[in-house]
PDB file of N, CA and C in Angstrom:
ATOM      1  N   UNK A   1      95.378 -23.780  -9.133  1.00  0.00           N
ATOM      2  CA  UNK A   1      94.748 -22.639  -8.529  1.00  0.00           C
ATOM      3  C   UNK A   1      93.927 -23.060  -7.304  1.00  0.00           C
ATOM      4  N   UNK A   2      93.246 -24.196  -7.368  1.00  0.00           N
ATOM      5  CA  UNK A   2      92.442 -24.665  -6.238  1.00  0.00           C
ATOM      6  C   UNK A   2      93.324 -24.931  -5.021  1.00  0.00           C
ATOM      7  N   UNK A   3      94.481 -25.497  -5.257  1.00  0.00           N
ATOM      8  CA  UNK A   3      95.399 -25.782  -4.157  1.00  0.00           C
ATOM      9  C   UNK A   3      95.888 -24.484  -3.510  1.00  0.00           C
ATOM     10  N   UNK A   4      96.259 -23.528  -4.322  1.00  0.00           N
ATOM     11  CA  UNK A   4      96.709 -22.231  -3.804  1.00  0.00           C
ATOM     12  C   UNK A   4      95.587 -21.566  -3.004  1.00  0.00           C
ATOM     13  N   UNK A   5      94.382 -21.635  -3.511  1.00  0.00           N
ATOM     14  CA  UNK A   5      93.234 -21.056  -2.821  1.00  0.00           C
ATOM     15  C   UNK A   5      93.003 -21.734  -1.469  1.00  0.00           C
ATOM     16  N   UNK A   6      93.110 -23.038  -1.414  1.00  0.00           N
ATOM     17  CA  UNK A   6      92.904 -23.770  -0.162  1.00  0.00           C
ATOM     18  C   UNK A   6      93.993 -23.462   0.862  1.00  0.00           C
ATOM     19  N   UNK A   7      95.209 -23.328   0.401  1.00  0.00           N
ATOM     20  CA  UNK A   7      96.329 -23.092   1.321  1.00  0.00           C
ATOM     21  C   UNK A   7      96.340 -21.680   1.898  1.00  0.00           C
ATOM     22  N   UNK A   8      95.638 -20.759   1.283  1.00  0.00           N
ATOM     23  CA  UNK A   8      95.653 -19.368   1.766  1.00  0.00           C
ATOM     24  C   UNK A   8      95.087 -19.223   3.169  1.00  0.00           C
ATOM     25  N   UNK A   9      94.301 -20.189   3.618  1.00  0.00           N
ATOM     26  CA  UNK A   9      93.728 -20.148   4.961  1.00  0.00           C
ATOM     27  C   UNK A   9      94.749 -20.462   6.052  1.00  0.00           C
ATOM     28  N   UNK A  10      95.876 -21.028   5.679  1.00  0.00           N
ATOM     29  CA  UNK A  10      96.810 -21.592   6.649  1.00  0.00           C
ATOM     30  C   UNK A  10      98.168 -20.904   6.609  1.00  0.00           C
ATOM     31  N   UNK A  11      98.880 -20.904   7.733  1.00  0.00           N
ATOM     32  CA  UNK A  11     100.223 -20.318   7.763  1.00  0.00           C
ATOM     33  C   UNK A  11     101.148 -21.038   6.773  1.00  0.00           C
ATOM     34  N   UNK A  12     102.053 -20.283   6.184  1.00  0.00           N
ATOM     35  CA  UNK A  12     102.963 -20.831   5.170  1.00  0.00           C
ATOM     36  C   UNK A  12     103.756 -22.029   5.672  1.00  0.00           C
ATOM     37  N   UNK A  13     104.118 -22.026   6.954  1.00  0.00           N
ATOM     38  CA  UNK A  13     104.926 -23.139   7.469  1.00  0.00           C
ATOM     39  C   UNK A  13     104.160 -24.472   7.484  1.00  0.00           C
ATOM     40  N   UNK A  14     102.848 -24.447   7.370  1.00  0.00           N
ATOM     41  CA  UNK A  14     102.079 -25.697   7.343  1.00  0.00           C
ATOM     42  C   UNK A  14     101.809 -26.186   5.914  1.00  0.00           C
ATOM     43  N   UNK A  15     102.196 -25.409   4.909  1.00  0.00           N
ATOM     44  CA  UNK A  15     101.900 -25.766   3.525  1.00  0.00           C
ATOM     45  C   UNK A  15     102.596 -27.050   3.084  1.00  0.00           C
ATOM     46  N   UNK A  16     103.792 -27.321   3.598  1.00  0.00           N
ATOM     47  CA  UNK A  16     104.507 -28.535   3.168  1.00  0.00           C
ATOM     48  C   UNK A  16     103.774 -29.796   3.623  1.00  0.00           C
ATOM     49  N   UNK A  17     103.047 -29.711   4.722  1.00  0.00           N
ATOM     50  CA  UNK A  17     102.265 -30.853   5.204  1.00  0.00           C
ATOM     51  C   UNK A  17     100.913 -30.908   4.505  1.00  0.00           C
ATOM     52  N   UNK A  18     100.261 -29.756   4.377  1.00  0.00           N
ATOM     53  CA  UNK A  18      98.903 -29.716   3.851  1.00  0.00           C
ATOM     54  C   UNK A  18      98.819 -29.845   2.330  1.00  0.00           C
ATOM     55  N   UNK A  19      99.772 -29.279   1.613  1.00  0.00           N
ATOM     56  CA  UNK A  19      99.699 -29.270   0.148  1.00  0.00           C
ATOM     57  C   UNK A  19      99.558 -30.668  -0.456  1.00  0.00           C
ATOM     58  N   UNK A  20     100.376 -31.647  -0.065  1.00  0.00           N
ATOM     59  CA  UNK A  20     100.210 -32.987  -0.652  1.00  0.00           C
ATOM     60  C   UNK A  20      98.855 -33.614  -0.304  1.00  0.00           C
ATOM     61  N   UNK A  21      98.401 -33.363   0.908  1.00  0.00           N
ATOM     62  CA  UNK A  21      97.109 -33.907   1.340  1.00  0.00           C
ATOM     63  C   UNK A  21      95.962 -33.294   0.525  1.00  0.00           C
ATOM     64  N   UNK A  22      95.977 -31.982   0.377  1.00  0.00           N
ATOM     65  CA  UNK A  22      94.928 -31.306  -0.380  1.00  0.00           C
ATOM     66  C   UNK A  22      94.996 -31.660  -1.860  1.00  0.00           C
ATOM     67  N   UNK A  23      96.204 -31.798  -2.396  1.00  0.00           N
ATOM     68  CA  UNK A  23      96.357 -32.196  -3.790  1.00  0.00           C
ATOM     69  C   UNK A  23      95.791 -33.602  -4.010  1.00  0.00           C
ATOM     70  N   UNK A  24      96.011 -34.472  -3.056  1.00  0.00           N
ATOM     71  CA  UNK A  24      95.451 -35.821  -3.142  1.00  0.00           C
ATOM     72  C   UNK A  24      93.924 -35.784  -3.166  1.00  0.00           C
ATOM     73  N   UNK A  25      93.322 -34.960  -2.303  1.00  0.00           N
ATOM     74  CA  UNK A  25      91.868 -34.806  -2.311  1.00  0.00           C
ATOM     75  C   UNK A  25      91.394 -34.263  -3.659  1.00  0.00           C
ATOM     76  N   UNK A  26      92.096 -33.285  -4.172  1.00  0.00           N
ATOM     77  CA  UNK A  26      91.727 -32.691  -5.454  1.00  0.00           C
ATOM     78  C   UNK A  26      91.783 -33.728  -6.572  1.00  0.00           C
ATOM     79  N   UNK A  27      92.820 -34.544  -6.568  1.00  0.00           N
ATOM     80  CA  UNK A  27      92.957 -35.574  -7.597  1.00  0.00           C
ATOM     81  C   UNK A  27      91.913 -36.677  -7.447  1.00  0.00           C
ATOM     82  N   UNK A  28      91.598 -37.051  -6.207  1.00  0.00           N
ATOM     83  CA  UNK A  28      90.628 -38.123  -5.967  1.00  0.00           C
ATOM     84  C   UNK A  28      89.183 -37.682  -6.148  1.00  0.00           C
ATOM     85  N   UNK A  29      88.844 -36.499  -5.666  1.00  0.00           N
ATOM     86  CA  UNK A  29      87.451 -36.062  -5.606  1.00  0.00           C
ATOM     87  C   UNK A  29      87.132 -34.862  -6.488  1.00  0.00           C
ATOM     88  N   UNK A  30      88.148 -34.306  -7.144  1.00  0.00           N
ATOM     89  CA  UNK A  30      87.985 -33.098  -7.952  1.00  0.00           C
ATOM     90  C   UNK A  30      87.499 -31.917  -7.100  1.00  0.00           C
ATOM     91  N   UNK A  31      87.843 -31.946  -5.828  1.00  0.00           N
ATOM     92  CA  UNK A  31      87.462 -30.905  -4.867  1.00  0.00           C
ATOM     93  C   UNK A  31      88.344 -31.062  -3.637  1.00  0.00           C
ATOM     94  N   UNK A  32      88.616 -29.975  -2.959  1.00  0.00           N
ATOM     95  CA  UNK A  32      89.373 -30.036  -1.707  1.00  0.00           C
ATOM     96  C   UNK A  32      88.380 -29.827  -0.568  1.00  0.00           C
ATOM     97  N   UNK A  33      88.082 -30.895   0.157  1.00  0.00           N
ATOM     98  CA  UNK A  33      87.117 -30.842   1.263  1.00  0.00           C
ATOM     99  C   UNK A  33      87.783 -30.559   2.609  1.00  0.00           C
ATOM    100  N   UNK A  34      89.094 -30.747   2.688  1.00  0.00           N
ATOM    101  CA  UNK A  34      89.836 -30.587   3.944  1.00  0.00           C
ATOM    102  C   UNK A  34      89.288 -31.540   5.017  1.00  0.00           C
ATOM    103  N   UNK A  35      89.231 -32.795   4.652  1.00  0.00           N
ATOM    104  CA  UNK A  35      88.676 -33.818   5.537  1.00  0.00           C
ATOM    105  C   UNK A  35      89.357 -33.864   6.902  1.00  0.00           C
ATOM    106  N   UNK A  36      90.625 -33.522   6.972  1.00  0.00           N
ATOM    107  CA  UNK A  36      91.339 -33.575   8.249  1.00  0.00           C
ATOM    108  C   UNK A  36      90.687 -32.673   9.293  1.00  0.00           C
ATOM    109  N   UNK A  37      89.896 -31.694   8.869  1.00  0.00           N
ATOM    110  CA  UNK A  37      89.274 -30.746   9.779  1.00  0.00           C
ATOM    111  C   UNK A  37      87.839 -31.126  10.149  1.00  0.00           C
ATOM    112  N   UNK A  38      87.387 -32.247   9.640  1.00  0.00           N
ATOM    113  CA  UNK A  38      86.049 -32.726   9.993  1.00  0.00           C
ATOM    114  C   UNK A  38      85.981 -32.994  11.483  1.00  0.00           C
ATOM    115  N   UNK A  39      84.901 -32.592  12.138  1.00  0.00           N
ATOM    116  CA  UNK A  39      84.773 -32.895  13.566  1.00  0.00           C
ATOM    117  C   UNK A  39      84.826 -34.402  13.798  1.00  0.00           C
ATOM    118  N   UNK A  40      85.605 -34.807  14.774  1.00  0.00           N
ATOM    119  CA  UNK A  40      85.727 -36.240  15.049  1.00  0.00           C
ATOM    120  C   UNK A  40      85.423 -36.582  16.504  1.00  0.00           C
ATOM    121  N   UNK A  41      85.146 -35.585  17.309  1.00  0.00           N
ATOM    122  CA  UNK A  41      84.903 -35.849  18.737  1.00  0.00           C
ATOM    123  C   UNK A  41      83.424 -35.954  19.069  1.00  0.00           C
ATOM    124  N   UNK A  42      82.562 -35.744  18.084  1.00  0.00           N
ATOM    125  CA  UNK A  42      81.125 -35.862  18.311  1.00  0.00           C
ATOM    126  C   UNK A  42      80.446 -36.269  17.011  1.00  0.00           C
ATOM    127  N   UNK A  43      79.268 -36.848  17.133  1.00  0.00           N
ATOM    128  CA  UNK A  43      78.507 -37.257  15.950  1.00  0.00           C
ATOM    129  C   UNK A  43      77.896 -36.036  15.285  1.00  0.00           C
ATOM    130  N   UNK A  44      77.898 -36.037  13.975  1.00  0.00           N
ATOM    131  CA  UNK A  44      77.301 -34.936  13.227  1.00  0.00           C
ATOM    132  C   UNK A  44      75.794 -35.184  13.174  1.00  0.00           C
ATOM    133  N   UNK A  45      75.080 -34.484  14.020  1.00  0.00           N
ATOM    134  CA  UNK A  45      73.625 -34.574  14.072  1.00  0.00           C
ATOM    135  C   UNK A  45      73.106 -33.376  14.844  1.00  0.00           C
ATOM    136  N   UNK A  46      71.799 -33.156  14.783  1.00  0.00           N
ATOM    137  CA  UNK A  46      71.197 -32.064  15.551  1.00  0.00           C
ATOM    138  C   UNK A  46      71.088 -32.499  17.015  1.00  0.00           C
ATOM    139  N   UNK A  47      71.585 -31.661  17.895  1.00  0.00           N
ATOM    140  CA  UNK A  47      71.478 -31.900  19.333  1.00  0.00           C
ATOM    141  C   UNK A  47      70.399 -30.978  19.887  1.00  0.00           C
ATOM    142  N   UNK A  48      69.879 -31.267  21.077  1.00  0.00           N
ATOM    143  CA  UNK A  48      68.908 -30.337  21.676  1.00  0.00           C
ATOM    144  C   UNK A  48      69.489 -28.927  21.715  1.00  0.00           C
ATOM    145  N   UNK A  49      68.654 -27.938  21.532  1.00  0.00           N
ATOM    146  CA  UNK A  49      69.109 -26.554  21.382  1.00  0.00           C
ATOM    147  C   UNK A  49      69.932 -26.074  22.570  1.00  0.00           C
ATOM    148  N   UNK A  50      69.687 -26.597  23.746  1.00  0.00           N
ATOM    149  CA  UNK A  50      70.443 -26.187  24.929  1.00  0.00           C
ATOM    150  C   UNK A  50      71.856 -26.771  24.957  1.00  0.00           C
ATOM    151  N   UNK A  51      72.146 -27.704  24.076  1.00  0.00           N
ATOM    152  CA  UNK A  51      73.468 -28.309  23.994  1.00  0.00           C
ATOM    153  C   UNK A  51      74.500 -27.318  23.450  1.00  0.00           C
ATOM    154  N   UNK A  52      74.068 -26.417  22.562  1.00  0.00           N
ATOM    155  CA  UNK A  52      74.982 -25.474  21.918  1.00  0.00           C
ATOM    156  C   UNK A  52      75.387 -24.393  22.915  1.00  0.00           C
ATOM    157  N   UNK A  53      76.658 -23.980  22.888  1.00  0.00           N
ATOM    158  CA  UNK A  53      77.196 -23.141  23.968  1.00  0.00           C
ATOM    159  C   UNK A  53      76.813 -21.666  23.942  1.00  0.00           C
ATOM    160  N   UNK A  54      76.221 -21.176  22.875  1.00  0.00           N
ATOM    161  CA  UNK A  54      75.888 -19.756  22.819  1.00  0.00           C
ATOM    162  C   UNK A  54      74.723 -19.442  23.752  1.00  0.00           C
ATOM    163  N   UNK A  55      74.742 -18.248  24.310  1.00  0.00           N
ATOM    164  CA  UNK A  55      73.610 -17.797  25.113  1.00  0.00           C
ATOM    165  C   UNK A  55      72.511 -17.235  24.225  1.00  0.00           C
ATOM    166  N   UNK A  56      72.800 -17.078  22.945  1.00  0.00           N
ATOM    167  CA  UNK A  56      71.849 -16.540  21.985  1.00  0.00           C
ATOM    168  C   UNK A  56      71.092 -17.706  21.334  1.00  0.00           C
ATOM    169  N   UNK A  57      69.805 -17.801  21.566  1.00  0.00           N
ATOM    170  CA  UNK A  57      69.015 -18.908  21.025  1.00  0.00           C
ATOM    171  C   UNK A  57      68.955 -18.884  19.493  1.00  0.00           C
ATOM    172  N   UNK A  58      69.046 -17.693  18.889  1.00  0.00           N
ATOM    173  CA  UNK A  58      69.058 -17.629  17.424  1.00  0.00           C
ATOM    174  C   UNK A  58      70.317 -18.284  16.865  1.00  0.00           C
ATOM    175  N   UNK A  59      71.446 -18.034  17.480  1.00  0.00           N
ATOM    176  CA  UNK A  59      72.704 -18.664  17.049  1.00  0.00           C
ATOM    177  C   UNK A  59      72.625 -20.172  17.255  1.00  0.00           C
ATOM    178  N   UNK A  60      72.078 -20.583  18.383  1.00  0.00           N
ATOM    179  CA  UNK A  60      71.929 -22.018  18.635  1.00  0.00           C
ATOM    180  C   UNK A  60      71.025 -22.667  17.590  1.00  0.00           C
ATOM    181  N   UNK A  61      69.964 -21.982  17.196  1.00  0.00           N
ATOM    182  CA  UNK A  61      69.049 -22.520  16.189  1.00  0.00           C
ATOM    183  C   UNK A  61      69.747 -22.676  14.843  1.00  0.00           C
ATOM    184  N   UNK A  62      70.602 -21.723  14.487  1.00  0.00           N
ATOM    185  CA  UNK A  62      71.351 -21.817  13.233  1.00  0.00           C
ATOM    186  C   UNK A  62      72.273 -23.027  13.262  1.00  0.00           C
ATOM    187  N   UNK A  63      72.988 -23.207  14.368  1.00  0.00           N
ATOM    188  CA  UNK A  63      73.888 -24.356  14.472  1.00  0.00           C
ATOM    189  C   UNK A  63      73.106 -25.670  14.469  1.00  0.00           C
ATOM    190  N   UNK A  64      71.945 -25.691  15.108  1.00  0.00           N
ATOM    191  CA  UNK A  64      71.110 -26.886  15.113  1.00  0.00           C
ATOM    192  C   UNK A  64      70.700 -27.241  13.683  1.00  0.00           C
ATOM    193  N   UNK A  65      70.313 -26.236  12.897  1.00  0.00           N
ATOM    194  CA  UNK A  65      69.913 -26.496  11.503  1.00  0.00           C
ATOM    195  C   UNK A  65      71.089 -27.002  10.674  1.00  0.00           C
ATOM    196  N   UNK A  66      72.253 -26.396  10.855  1.00  0.00           N
ATOM    197  CA  UNK A  66      73.433 -26.850  10.114  1.00  0.00           C
ATOM    198  C   UNK A  66      73.779 -28.283  10.489  1.00  0.00           C
ATOM    199  N   UNK A  67      73.789 -28.562  11.783  1.00  0.00           N
ATOM    200  CA  UNK A  67      74.120 -29.921  12.238  1.00  0.00           C
ATOM    201  C   UNK A  67      73.083 -30.930  11.741  1.00  0.00           C
ATOM    202  N   UNK A  68      71.820 -30.558  11.735  1.00  0.00           N
ATOM    203  CA  UNK A  68      70.781 -31.452  11.230  1.00  0.00           C
ATOM    204  C   UNK A  68      70.985 -31.719   9.741  1.00  0.00           C
ATOM    205  N   UNK A  69      71.300 -30.668   8.983  1.00  0.00           N
ATOM    206  CA  UNK A  69      71.493 -30.832   7.543  1.00  0.00           C
ATOM    207  C   UNK A  69      72.701 -31.682   7.202  1.00  0.00           C
ATOM    208  N   UNK A  70      73.670 -31.773   8.114  1.00  0.00           N
ATOM    209  CA  UNK A  70      74.860 -32.608   7.874  1.00  0.00           C
ATOM    210  C   UNK A  70      74.771 -33.974   8.530  1.00  0.00           C
ATOM    211  N   UNK A  71      73.673 -34.260   9.176  1.00  0.00           N
ATOM    212  CA  UNK A  71      73.441 -35.571   9.782  1.00  0.00           C
ATOM    213  C   UNK A  71      73.448 -36.618   8.672  1.00  0.00           C
ATOM    214  N   UNK A  72      74.234 -37.680   8.794  1.00  0.00           N
ATOM    215  CA  UNK A  72      74.290 -38.708   7.745  1.00  0.00           C
ATOM    216  C   UNK A  72      72.929 -39.332   7.429  1.00  0.00           C
ATOM    217  N   UNK A  73      72.002 -39.271   8.383  1.00  0.00           N
ATOM    218  CA  UNK A  73      70.660 -39.808   8.129  1.00  0.00           C
ATOM    219  C   UNK A  73      69.808 -38.838   7.309  1.00  0.00           C
ATOM    220  N   UNK A  74      70.266 -37.598   7.165  1.00  0.00           N
ATOM    221  CA  UNK A  74      69.505 -36.558   6.465  1.00  0.00           C
ATOM    222  C   UNK A  74      70.214 -36.109   5.191  1.00  0.00           C
ATOM    223  N   UNK A  75      71.505 -35.860   5.291  1.00  0.00           N
ATOM    224  CA  UNK A  75      72.273 -35.303   4.178  1.00  0.00           C
ATOM    225  C   UNK A  75      72.428 -36.301   3.048  1.00  0.00           C
ATOM    226  N   UNK A  76      72.515 -35.782   1.847  1.00  0.00           N
ATOM    227  CA  UNK A  76      72.722 -36.638   0.684  1.00  0.00           C
ATOM    228  C   UNK A  76      74.144 -37.196   0.673  1.00  0.00           C
ATOM    229  N   UNK A  77      75.134 -36.330   0.850  1.00  0.00           N
ATOM    230  CA  UNK A  77      76.536 -36.720   0.913  1.00  0.00           C
ATOM    231  C   UNK A  77      77.180 -35.931   2.053  1.00  0.00           C
ATOM    232  N   UNK A  78      77.013 -36.358   3.284  1.00  0.00           N
ATOM    233  CA  UNK A  78      77.461 -35.552   4.429  1.00  0.00           C
ATOM    234  C   UNK A  78      78.966 -35.295   4.479  1.00  0.00           C
ATOM    235  N   UNK A  79      79.779 -36.239   4.076  1.00  0.00           N
ATOM    236  CA  UNK A  79      81.228 -36.027   4.125  1.00  0.00           C
ATOM    237  C   UNK A  79      81.670 -34.954   3.149  1.00  0.00           C
ATOM    238  N   UNK A  80      80.885 -34.763   2.094  1.00  0.00           N
ATOM    239  CA  UNK A  80      81.184 -33.746   1.092  1.00  0.00           C
ATOM    240  C   UNK A  80      80.387 -32.470   1.348  1.00  0.00           C
ATOM    241  N   UNK A  81      79.727 -32.394   2.517  1.00  0.00           N
ATOM    242  CA  UNK A  81      78.960 -31.217   2.941  1.00  0.00           C
ATOM    243  C   UNK A  81      77.749 -30.940   2.061  1.00  0.00           C
ATOM    244  N   UNK A  82      77.258 -31.970   1.344  1.00  0.00           N
ATOM    245  CA  UNK A  82      76.087 -31.826   0.482  1.00  0.00           C
ATOM    246  C   UNK A  82      74.858 -32.281   1.254  1.00  0.00           C
ATOM    247  N   UNK A  83      73.901 -31.376   1.402  1.00  0.00           N
ATOM    248  CA  UNK A  83      72.679 -31.705   2.126  1.00  0.00           C
ATOM    249  C   UNK A  83      71.705 -32.408   1.198  1.00  0.00           C
ATOM    250  N   UNK A  84      70.542 -32.659   1.698  1.00  0.00           N
ATOM    251  CA  UNK A  84      69.514 -33.341   0.915  1.00  0.00           C
ATOM    252  C   UNK A  84      69.050 -32.475  -0.252  1.00  0.00           C
ATOM    253  N   UNK A  85      68.546 -33.142  -1.291  1.00  0.00           N
ATOM    254  CA  UNK A  85      67.897 -32.439  -2.386  1.00  0.00           C
ATOM    255  C   UNK A  85      68.791 -31.745  -3.389  1.00  0.00           C
ATOM    256  N   UNK A  86      69.954 -32.229  -3.634  1.00  0.00           N
ATOM    257  CA  UNK A  86      70.746 -31.606  -4.688  1.00  0.00           C
ATOM    258  C   UNK A  86      72.227 -31.598  -4.417  1.00  0.00           C
ATOM    259  N   UNK A  87      72.897 -30.685  -5.087  1.00  0.00           N
ATOM    260  CA  UNK A  87      74.348 -30.646  -4.996  1.00  0.00           C
ATOM    261  C   UNK A  87      74.847 -29.402  -4.270  1.00  0.00           C
ATOM    262  N   UNK A  88      73.980 -28.672  -3.599  1.00  0.00           N
ATOM    263  CA  UNK A  88      74.405 -27.490  -2.852  1.00  0.00           C
ATOM    264  C   UNK A  88      75.120 -27.887  -1.573  1.00  0.00           C
ATOM    265  N   UNK A  89      76.205 -27.208  -1.283  1.00  0.00           N
ATOM    266  CA  UNK A  89      76.994 -27.499  -0.084  1.00  0.00           C
ATOM    267  C   UNK A  89      76.658 -26.524   1.036  1.00  0.00           C
ATOM    268  N   UNK A  90      76.698 -27.019   2.251  1.00  0.00           N
ATOM    269  CA  UNK A  90      76.514 -26.160   3.420  1.00  0.00           C
ATOM    270  C   UNK A  90      77.697 -25.206   3.530  1.00  0.00           C
ATOM    271  N   UNK A  91      78.899 -25.738   3.359  1.00  0.00           N
ATOM    272  CA  UNK A  91      80.129 -24.952   3.356  1.00  0.00           C
ATOM    273  C   UNK A  91      80.983 -25.433   2.202  1.00  0.00           C
ATOM    274  N   UNK A  92      81.926 -24.607   1.773  1.00  0.00           N
ATOM    275  CA  UNK A  92      82.817 -24.986   0.682  1.00  0.00           C
ATOM    276  C   UNK A  92      83.717 -26.144   1.091  1.00  0.00           C
ATOM    277  N   UNK A  93      84.137 -26.144   2.348  1.00  0.00           N
ATOM    278  CA  UNK A  93      84.999 -27.206   2.868  1.00  0.00           C
ATOM    279  C   UNK A  93      84.842 -27.236   4.379  1.00  0.00           C
ATOM    280  N   UNK A  94      85.467 -28.214   5.026  1.00  0.00           N
ATOM    281  CA  UNK A  94      85.301 -28.357   6.472  1.00  0.00           C
ATOM    282  C   UNK A  94      85.927 -27.199   7.233  1.00  0.00           C
ATOM    283  N   UNK A  95      86.927 -26.566   6.675  1.00  0.00           N
ATOM    284  CA  UNK A  95      87.547 -25.419   7.339  1.00  0.00           C
ATOM    285  C   UNK A  95      86.562 -24.254   7.464  1.00  0.00           C
ATOM    286  N   UNK A  96      85.752 -24.042   6.446  1.00  0.00           N
ATOM    287  CA  UNK A  96      84.799 -22.920   6.458  1.00  0.00           C
ATOM    288  C   UNK A  96      83.747 -23.058   7.546  1.00  0.00           C
ATOM    289  N   UNK A  97      83.468 -24.261   7.980  1.00  0.00           N
ATOM    290  CA  UNK A  97      82.501 -24.452   9.057  1.00  0.00           C
ATOM    291  C   UNK A  97      83.038 -24.051  10.407  1.00  0.00           C
ATOM    292  N   UNK A  98      84.348 -24.066  10.574  1.00  0.00           N
ATOM    293  CA  UNK A  98      84.955 -23.748  11.870  1.00  0.00           C
ATOM    294  C   UNK A  98      84.676 -22.322  12.315  1.00  0.00           C
ATOM    295  N   UNK A  99      84.908 -21.296  11.481  1.00  0.00           N
ATOM    296  CA  UNK A  99      84.609 -19.937  11.957  1.00  0.00           C
ATOM    297  C   UNK A  99      83.125 -19.706  12.185  1.00  0.00           C
ATOM    298  N   UNK A 100      82.275 -20.366  11.403  1.00  0.00           N
ATOM    299  CA  UNK A 100      80.839 -20.201  11.598  1.00  0.00           C
ATOM    300  C   UNK A 100      80.434 -20.727  12.959  1.00  0.00           C
ATOM    301  N   UNK A 101      80.917 -21.898  13.309  1.00  0.00           N
ATOM    302  CA  UNK A 101      80.603 -22.482  14.611  1.00  0.00           C
ATOM    303  C   UNK A 101      81.152 -21.608  15.731  1.00  0.00           C
ATOM    304  N   UNK A 102      82.407 -21.205  15.609  1.00  0.00           N
ATOM    305  CA  UNK A 102      83.023 -20.382  16.647  1.00  0.00           C
ATOM    306  C   UNK A 102      82.313 -19.046  16.779  1.00  0.00           C
ATOM    307  N   UNK A 103      82.052 -18.391  15.659  1.00  0.00           N
ATOM    308  CA  UNK A 103      81.429 -17.073  15.701  1.00  0.00           C
ATOM    309  C   UNK A 103      80.010 -17.141  16.226  1.00  0.00           C
ATOM    310  N   UNK A 104      79.246 -18.160  15.862  1.00  0.00           N
ATOM    311  CA  UNK A 104      77.870 -18.240  16.335  1.00  0.00           C
ATOM    312  C   UNK A 104      77.824 -18.462  17.844  1.00  0.00           C
ATOM    313  N   UNK A 105      78.844 -19.094  18.388  1.00  0.00           N
ATOM    314  CA  UNK A 105      78.904 -19.294  19.836  1.00  0.00           C
ATOM    315  C   UNK A 105      79.152 -17.996  20.587  1.00  0.00           C
ATOM    316  N   UNK A 106      79.664 -16.989  19.901  1.00  0.00           N
ATOM    317  CA  UNK A 106      80.040 -15.740  20.552  1.00  0.00           C
ATOM    318  C   UNK A 106      79.217 -14.537  20.096  1.00  0.00           C
ATOM    319  N   UNK A 107      78.200 -14.764  19.282  1.00  0.00           N
ATOM    320  CA  UNK A 107      77.451 -13.610  18.798  1.00  0.00           C
ATOM    321  C   UNK A 107      76.398 -13.165  19.800  1.00  0.00           C
ATOM    322  N   UNK A 108      76.131 -11.877  19.797  1.00  0.00           N
ATOM    323  CA  UNK A 108      75.090 -11.321  20.657  1.00  0.00           C
ATOM    324  C   UNK A 108      73.762 -11.384  19.921  1.00  0.00           C
ATOM    325  N   UNK A 109      72.710 -11.023  20.601  1.00  0.00           N
ATOM    326  CA  UNK A 109      71.391 -11.055  19.972  1.00  0.00           C
ATOM    327  C   UNK A 109      71.250  -9.990  18.898  1.00  0.00           C
ATOM    328  N   UNK A 110      72.197  -9.068  18.794  1.00  0.00           N
ATOM    329  CA  UNK A 110      72.130  -8.001  17.797  1.00  0.00           C
ATOM    330  C   UNK A 110      72.944  -8.317  16.548  1.00  0.00           C
ATOM    331  N   UNK A 111      73.575  -9.467  16.518  1.00  0.00           N
ATOM    332  CA  UNK A 111      74.387  -9.858  15.372  1.00  0.00           C
ATOM    333  C   UNK A 111      73.678 -10.944  14.585  1.00  0.00           C
ATOM    334  N   UNK A 112      73.989 -11.009  13.319  1.00  0.00           N
ATOM    335  CA  UNK A 112      73.480 -12.095  12.487  1.00  0.00           C
ATOM    336  C   UNK A 112      74.634 -13.016  12.153  1.00  0.00           C
ATOM    337  N   UNK A 113      74.318 -14.192  11.694  1.00  0.00           N
ATOM    338  CA  UNK A 113      75.367 -15.139  11.317  1.00  0.00           C
ATOM    339  C   UNK A 113      76.178 -14.573  10.159  1.00  0.00           C
ATOM    340  N   UNK A 114      75.540 -13.823   9.255  1.00  0.00           N
ATOM    341  CA  UNK A 114      76.279 -13.244   8.134  1.00  0.00           C
ATOM    342  C   UNK A 114      77.309 -12.244   8.637  1.00  0.00           C
ATOM    343  N   UNK A 115      76.953 -11.449   9.604  1.00  0.00           N
ATOM    344  CA  UNK A 115      77.898 -10.490  10.165  1.00  0.00           C
ATOM    345  C   UNK A 115      79.085 -11.231  10.762  1.00  0.00           C
ATOM    346  N   UNK A 116      78.816 -12.306  11.455  1.00  0.00           N
ATOM    347  CA  UNK A 116      79.905 -13.063  12.073  1.00  0.00           C
ATOM    348  C   UNK A 116      80.836 -13.639  11.020  1.00  0.00           C
ATOM    349  N   UNK A 117      80.277 -14.150   9.943  1.00  0.00           N
ATOM    350  CA  UNK A 117      81.123 -14.702   8.889  1.00  0.00           C
ATOM    351  C   UNK A 117      81.946 -13.589   8.258  1.00  0.00           C
ATOM    352  N   UNK A 118      81.315 -12.445   7.989  1.00  0.00           N
ATOM    353  CA  UNK A 118      82.041 -11.329   7.381  1.00  0.00           C
ATOM    354  C   UNK A 118      83.147 -10.809   8.277  1.00  0.00           C
ATOM    355  N   UNK A 119      82.948 -10.824   9.591  1.00  0.00           N
ATOM    356  CA  UNK A 119      83.936 -10.321  10.531  1.00  0.00           C
ATOM    357  C   UNK A 119      85.010 -11.338  10.872  1.00  0.00           C
ATOM    358  N   UNK A 120      84.840 -12.562  10.429  1.00  0.00           N
ATOM    359  CA  UNK A 120      85.772 -13.613  10.775  1.00  0.00           C
ATOM    360  C   UNK A 120      87.165 -13.313  10.222  1.00  0.00           C
ATOM    361  N   UNK A 121      88.206 -13.530  11.017  1.00  0.00           N
ATOM    362  CA  UNK A 121      89.561 -13.318  10.516  1.00  0.00           C
ATOM    363  C   UNK A 121      89.952 -14.352   9.463  1.00  0.00           C
ATOM    364  N   UNK A 122      89.142 -15.378   9.284  1.00  0.00           N
ATOM    365  CA  UNK A 122      89.450 -16.436   8.316  1.00  0.00           C
ATOM    366  C   UNK A 122      89.108 -16.017   6.892  1.00  0.00           C
ATOM    367  N   UNK A 123      88.368 -14.939   6.705  1.00  0.00           N
ATOM    368  CA  UNK A 123      87.939 -14.502   5.370  1.00  0.00           C
ATOM    369  C   UNK A 123      89.093 -13.992   4.566  1.00  0.00           C
TER     370      UNK A 123
END
């Protein structure tokens, strides 16, 4: 069931490539983190607020907090999206962070991050 749930985010034609990879993660870690989607072009840490591309400072602040919480110097298990102080995850998997980042970059000052997540086509 976990594998089927993870694959629902992706087009059917990619399932033959992703299914074995996700099944391997499930067998190794008892969870599907979708490591292949982890950002690899920048370090996971909080950057100055002006670094984030949104014109909305509230959205930038949210992304700054998320990035800070996933900083390997701060997070308990950053690769597993577990922040400090327990077993709570920032996101269920690395794929779930993608729409949040994208949506926060495009939200107006009248939107909240929750609205952006709810409106995301990835839901």
